[in-house]
Amino acid sequence: MDIQTIKERIALVQTKREYLLSLLERPNLGTLRVDVNQALEEMDELIDEFGRTFPETGTI
């Protein structure tokens, strides 16, 4: 997999992250809030790891 493909996929993950953040604003989320928070944490780790692995790519 080339770096451009990885960058595109990370960008897609970032758009999904925004959706998860909007879910947290819903008062009726209930116990799913825990899962949404976990997904956000894992996405943040993935994005951070990408930045550490490919620092020359800059921001996406």
PDB file of N, CA and C in Angstrom:
ATOM      1  N   MET A   1       0.857  -1.171   0.000  1.00  0.00           N
ATOM      2  CA  MET A   1       0.000   0.000   0.000  1.00  0.00           C
ATOM      3  C   MET A   1       0.904   1.234   0.000  1.00  0.00           C
ATOM      4  N   ASP A   2       0.613   2.161  -0.876  1.00  0.00           N
ATOM      5  CA  ASP A   2       1.455   3.350  -0.958  1.00  0.00           C
ATOM      6  C   ASP A   2       0.984   4.421   0.025  1.00  0.00           C
ATOM      7  N   ILE A   3       1.822   5.400   0.257  1.00  0.00           N
ATOM      8  CA  ILE A   3       1.558   6.443   1.257  1.00  0.00           C
ATOM      9  C   ILE A   3       0.316   7.257   0.908  1.00  0.00           C
ATOM     10  N   GLN A   4       0.064   7.485  -0.365  1.00  0.00           N
ATOM     11  CA  GLN A   4      -1.115   8.261  -0.752  1.00  0.00           C
ATOM     12  C   GLN A   4      -2.405   7.532  -0.374  1.00  0.00           C
ATOM     13  N   THR A   5      -2.432   6.240  -0.567  1.00  0.00           N
ATOM     14  CA  THR A   5      -3.610   5.449  -0.193  1.00  0.00           C
ATOM     15  C   THR A   5      -3.826   5.492   1.312  1.00  0.00           C
ATOM     16  N   ILE A   6      -2.744   5.373   2.056  1.00  0.00           N
ATOM     17  CA  ILE A   6      -2.843   5.434   3.516  1.00  0.00           C
ATOM     18  C   ILE A   6      -3.349   6.799   3.953  1.00  0.00           C
ATOM     19  N   LYS A   7      -2.836   7.864   3.338  1.00  0.00           N
ATOM     20  CA  LYS A   7      -3.298   9.217   3.677  1.00  0.00           C
ATOM     21  C   LYS A   7      -4.786   9.373   3.403  1.00  0.00           C
ATOM     22  N   GLU A   8      -5.248   8.822   2.300  1.00  0.00           N
ATOM     23  CA  GLU A   8      -6.668   8.909   1.961  1.00  0.00           C
ATOM     24  C   GLU A   8      -7.524   8.166   2.981  1.00  0.00           C
ATOM     25  N   ARG A   9      -7.040   7.025   3.408  1.00  0.00           N
ATOM     26  CA  ARG A   9      -7.803   6.243   4.392  1.00  0.00           C
ATOM     27  C   ARG A   9      -7.812   6.920   5.763  1.00  0.00           C
ATOM     28  N   ILE A  10      -6.701   7.520   6.139  1.00  0.00           N
ATOM     29  CA  ILE A  10      -6.659   8.253   7.404  1.00  0.00           C
ATOM     30  C   ILE A  10      -7.598   9.457   7.331  1.00  0.00           C
ATOM     31  N   ALA A  11      -7.641  10.125   6.201  1.00  0.00           N
ATOM     32  CA  ALA A  11      -8.565  11.252   6.024  1.00  0.00           C
ATOM     33  C   ALA A  11     -10.008  10.783   6.166  1.00  0.00           C
ATOM     34  N   LEU A  12     -10.312   9.605   5.643  1.00  0.00           N
ATOM     35  CA  LEU A  12     -11.654   9.050   5.774  1.00  0.00           C
ATOM     36  C   LEU A  12     -11.970   8.757   7.237  1.00  0.00           C
ATOM     37  N   VAL A  13     -11.011   8.221   7.956  1.00  0.00           N
ATOM     38  CA  VAL A  13     -11.189   7.963   9.391  1.00  0.00           C
ATOM     39  C   VAL A  13     -11.476   9.269  10.117  1.00  0.00           C
ATOM     40  N   GLN A  14     -10.781  10.329   9.742  1.00  0.00           N
ATOM     41  CA  GLN A  14     -11.006  11.619  10.395  1.00  0.00           C
ATOM     42  C   GLN A  14     -12.420  12.127  10.152  1.00  0.00           C
ATOM     43  N   THR A  15     -12.984  11.896   8.979  1.00  0.00           N
ATOM     44  CA  THR A  15     -14.367  12.332   8.741  1.00  0.00           C
ATOM     45  C   THR A  15     -15.334  11.517   9.591  1.00  0.00           C
ATOM     46  N   LYS A  16     -15.064  10.245   9.775  1.00  0.00           N
ATOM     47  CA  LYS A  16     -15.907   9.407  10.636  1.00  0.00           C
ATOM     48  C   LYS A  16     -15.806   9.865  12.082  1.00  0.00           C
ATOM     49  N   ARG A  17     -14.642  10.350  12.452  1.00  0.00           N
ATOM     50  CA  ARG A  17     -14.440  10.836  13.817  1.00  0.00           C
ATOM     51  C   ARG A  17     -15.372  11.999  14.119  1.00  0.00           C
ATOM     52  N   GLU A  18     -15.532  12.887  13.154  1.00  0.00           N
ATOM     53  CA  GLU A  18     -16.427  14.033  13.336  1.00  0.00           C
ATOM     54  C   GLU A  18     -17.858  13.566  13.587  1.00  0.00           C
ATOM     55  N   TYR A  19     -18.269  12.517  12.903  1.00  0.00           N
ATOM     56  CA  TYR A  19     -19.612  11.979  13.105  1.00  0.00           C
ATOM     57  C   TYR A  19     -19.754  11.423  14.526  1.00  0.00           C
ATOM     58  N   LEU A  20     -18.743  10.698  14.995  1.00  0.00           N
ATOM     59  CA  LEU A  20     -18.796  10.164  16.354  1.00  0.00           C
ATOM     60  C   LEU A  20     -18.876  11.280  17.386  1.00  0.00           C
ATOM     61  N   LEU A  21     -18.160  12.366  17.139  1.00  0.00           N
ATOM     62  CA  LEU A  21     -18.244  13.500  18.058  1.00  0.00           C
ATOM     63  C   LEU A  21     -19.663  14.058  18.105  1.00  0.00           C
ATOM     64  N   SER A  22     -20.313  14.098  16.963  1.00  0.00           N
ATOM     65  CA  SER A  22     -21.688  14.603  16.943  1.00  0.00           C
ATOM     66  C   SER A  22     -22.632  13.662  17.690  1.00  0.00           C
ATOM     67  N   LEU A  23     -22.327  12.369  17.686  1.00  0.00           N
ATOM     68  CA  LEU A  23     -23.156  11.426  18.444  1.00  0.00           C
ATOM     69  C   LEU A  23     -23.093  11.700  19.944  1.00  0.00           C
ATOM     70  N   LEU A  24     -21.939  12.103  20.417  1.00  0.00           N
ATOM     71  CA  LEU A  24     -21.784  12.369  21.851  1.00  0.00           C
ATOM     72  C   LEU A  24     -22.669  13.507  22.329  1.00  0.00           C
ATOM     73  N   GLU A  25     -23.110  14.354  21.423  1.00  0.00           N
ATOM     74  CA  GLU A  25     -23.967  15.471  21.798  1.00  0.00           C
ATOM     75  C   GLU A  25     -25.419  15.050  22.006  1.00  0.00           C
ATOM     76  N   ARG A  26     -25.754  13.845  21.609  1.00  0.00           N
ATOM     77  CA  ARG A  26     -27.123  13.364  21.757  1.00  0.00           C
ATOM     78  C   ARG A  26     -27.376  12.915  23.193  1.00  0.00           C
ATOM     79  N   PRO A  27     -28.433  13.417  23.797  1.00  0.00           N
ATOM     80  CA  PRO A  27     -28.706  13.057  25.193  1.00  0.00           C
ATOM     81  C   PRO A  27     -29.232  11.627  25.367  1.00  0.00           C
ATOM     82  N   ASN A  28     -29.762  11.016  24.312  1.00  0.00           N
ATOM     83  CA  ASN A  28     -30.356   9.690  24.428  1.00  0.00           C
ATOM     84  C   ASN A  28     -29.412   8.566  23.997  1.00  0.00           C
ATOM     85  N   LEU A  29     -28.137   8.780  24.044  1.00  0.00           N
ATOM     86  CA  LEU A  29     -27.165   7.793  23.584  1.00  0.00           C
ATOM     87  C   LEU A  29     -27.075   6.600  24.534  1.00  0.00           C
ATOM     88  N   GLY A  30     -27.309   6.820  25.789  1.00  0.00           N
ATOM     89  CA  GLY A  30     -27.312   5.735  26.773  1.00  0.00           C
ATOM     90  C   GLY A  30     -25.962   5.069  26.904  1.00  0.00           C
ATOM     91  N   THR A  31     -26.005   3.731  26.980  1.00  0.00           N
ATOM     92  CA  THR A  31     -24.770   2.980  27.200  1.00  0.00           C
ATOM     93  C   THR A  31     -23.867   2.948  25.968  1.00  0.00           C
ATOM     94  N   LEU A  32     -24.384   3.348  24.808  1.00  0.00           N
ATOM     95  CA  LEU A  32     -23.543   3.417  23.612  1.00  0.00           C
ATOM     96  C   LEU A  32     -22.465   4.487  23.726  1.00  0.00           C
ATOM     97  N   ARG A  33     -22.650   5.410  24.663  1.00  0.00           N
ATOM     98  CA  ARG A  33     -21.667   6.461  24.881  1.00  0.00           C
ATOM     99  C   ARG A  33     -20.283   5.877  25.159  1.00  0.00           C
ATOM    100  N   VAL A  34     -20.244   4.769  25.900  1.00  0.00           N
ATOM    101  CA  VAL A  34     -18.976   4.111  26.220  1.00  0.00           C
ATOM    102  C   VAL A  34     -18.301   3.625  24.939  1.00  0.00           C
ATOM    103  N   ASP A  35     -19.082   3.006  24.049  1.00  0.00           N
ATOM    104  CA  ASP A  35     -18.525   2.510  22.791  1.00  0.00           C
ATOM    105  C   ASP A  35     -18.053   3.637  21.892  1.00  0.00           C
ATOM    106  N   VAL A  36     -18.806   4.721  21.855  1.00  0.00           N
ATOM    107  CA  VAL A  36     -18.423   5.869  21.035  1.00  0.00           C
ATOM    108  C   VAL A  36     -17.129   6.470  21.564  1.00  0.00           C
ATOM    109  N   ASN A  37     -17.019   6.598  22.868  1.00  0.00           N
ATOM    110  CA  ASN A  37     -15.781   7.117  23.460  1.00  0.00           C
ATOM    111  C   ASN A  37     -14.595   6.217  23.143  1.00  0.00           C
ATOM    112  N   GLN A  38     -14.801   4.913  23.207  1.00  0.00           N
ATOM    113  CA  GLN A  38     -13.728   3.964  22.895  1.00  0.00           C
ATOM    114  C   GLN A  38     -13.304   4.091  21.437  1.00  0.00           C
ATOM    115  N   ALA A  39     -14.272   4.199  20.546  1.00  0.00           N
ATOM    116  CA  ALA A  39     -13.953   4.356  19.123  1.00  0.00           C
ATOM    117  C   ALA A  39     -13.162   5.630  18.885  1.00  0.00           C
ATOM    118  N   LEU A  40     -13.535   6.711  19.551  1.00  0.00           N
ATOM    119  CA  LEU A  40     -12.816   7.976  19.406  1.00  0.00           C
ATOM    120  C   LEU A  40     -11.372   7.850  19.893  1.00  0.00           C
ATOM    121  N   GLU A  41     -11.193   7.190  21.027  1.00  0.00           N
ATOM    122  CA  GLU A  41      -9.844   6.994  21.551  1.00  0.00           C
ATOM    123  C   GLU A  41      -8.986   6.194  20.572  1.00  0.00           C
ATOM    124  N   GLU A  42      -9.549   5.134  20.007  1.00  0.00           N
ATOM    125  CA  GLU A  42      -8.786   4.309  19.077  1.00  0.00           C
ATOM    126  C   GLU A  42      -8.480   5.059  17.786  1.00  0.00           C
ATOM    127  N   MET A  43      -9.412   5.853  17.325  1.00  0.00           N
ATOM    128  CA  MET A  43      -9.163   6.662  16.126  1.00  0.00           C
ATOM    129  C   MET A  43      -8.052   7.671  16.383  1.00  0.00           C
ATOM    130  N   ASP A  44      -8.091   8.310  17.545  1.00  0.00           N
ATOM    131  CA  ASP A  44      -7.047   9.277  17.880  1.00  0.00           C
ATOM    132  C   ASP A  44      -5.678   8.613  17.924  1.00  0.00           C
ATOM    133  N   GLU A  45      -5.621   7.409  18.489  1.00  0.00           N
ATOM    134  CA  GLU A  45      -4.355   6.671  18.527  1.00  0.00           C
ATOM    135  C   GLU A  45      -3.867   6.356  17.116  1.00  0.00           C
ATOM    136  N   LEU A  46      -4.776   5.933  16.250  1.00  0.00           N
ATOM    137  CA  LEU A  46      -4.413   5.620  14.877  1.00  0.00           C
ATOM    138  C   LEU A  46      -3.863   6.848  14.156  1.00  0.00           C
ATOM    139  N   ILE A  47      -4.535   7.965  14.311  1.00  0.00           N
ATOM    140  CA  ILE A  47      -4.110   9.202  13.659  1.00  0.00           C
ATOM    141  C   ILE A  47      -2.763   9.666  14.210  1.00  0.00           C
ATOM    142  N   ASP A  48      -2.584   9.564  15.521  1.00  0.00           N
ATOM    143  CA  ASP A  48      -1.303   9.933  16.131  1.00  0.00           C
ATOM    144  C   ASP A  48      -0.171   9.027  15.650  1.00  0.00           C
ATOM    145  N   GLU A  49      -0.460   7.733  15.590  1.00  0.00           N
ATOM    146  CA  GLU A  49       0.557   6.783  15.132  1.00  0.00           C
ATOM    147  C   GLU A  49       0.934   7.052  13.682  1.00  0.00           C
ATOM    148  N   PHE A  50      -0.030   7.385  12.863  1.00  0.00           N
ATOM    149  CA  PHE A  50       0.263   7.726  11.475  1.00  0.00           C
ATOM    150  C   PHE A  50       1.214   8.920  11.424  1.00  0.00           C
ATOM    151  N   GLY A  51       0.932   9.944  12.234  1.00  0.00           N
ATOM    152  CA  GLY A  51       1.786  11.123  12.259  1.00  0.00           C
ATOM    153  C   GLY A  51       3.200  10.831  12.728  1.00  0.00           C
ATOM    154  N   ARG A  52       3.327   9.911  13.680  1.00  0.00           N
ATOM    155  CA  ARG A  52       4.658   9.534  14.160  1.00  0.00           C
ATOM    156  C   ARG A  52       5.402   8.676  13.147  1.00  0.00           C
ATOM    157  N   THR A  53       4.659   7.827  12.437  1.00  0.00           N
ATOM    158  CA  THR A  53       5.275   6.931  11.469  1.00  0.00           C
ATOM    159  C   THR A  53       5.691   7.656  10.200  1.00  0.00           C
ATOM    160  N   PHE A  54       4.880   8.626   9.792  1.00  0.00           N
ATOM    161  CA  PHE A  54       5.141   9.378   8.555  1.00  0.00           C
ATOM    162  C   PHE A  54       5.164  10.877   8.850  1.00  0.00           C
ATOM    163  N   PRO A  55       6.134  11.338   9.642  1.00  0.00           N
ATOM    164  CA  PRO A  55       6.157  12.751  10.010  1.00  0.00           C
ATOM    165  C   PRO A  55       6.374  13.677   8.799  1.00  0.00           C
ATOM    166  N   GLU A  56       6.984  13.172   7.752  1.00  0.00           N
ATOM    167  CA  GLU A  56       7.257  13.995   6.593  1.00  0.00           C
ATOM    168  C   GLU A  56       6.000  14.305   5.787  1.00  0.00           C
ATOM    169  N   THR A  57       4.902  13.611   6.058  1.00  0.00           N
ATOM    170  CA  THR A  57       3.681  13.837   5.293  1.00  0.00           C
ATOM    171  C   THR A  57       2.933  15.059   5.793  1.00  0.00           C
ATOM    172  N   GLY A  58       3.259  15.508   6.979  1.00  0.00           N
ATOM    173  CA  GLY A  58       2.552  16.667   7.530  1.00  0.00           C
ATOM    174  C   GLY A  58       1.131  16.306   7.891  1.00  0.00           C
ATOM    175  N   THR A  59       0.292  17.313   7.925  1.00  0.00           N
ATOM    176  CA  THR A  59      -1.104  17.046   8.250  1.00  0.00           C
ATOM    177  C   THR A  59      -1.833  16.565   7.020  1.00  0.00           C
ATOM    178  N   ILE A  60      -2.899  15.904   7.257  1.00  0.00           N
ATOM    179  CA  ILE A  60      -3.667  15.320   6.159  1.00  0.00           C
ATOM    180  C   ILE A  60      -4.639  16.332   5.602  1.00  0.00           C
TER     181      ILE A  60
END
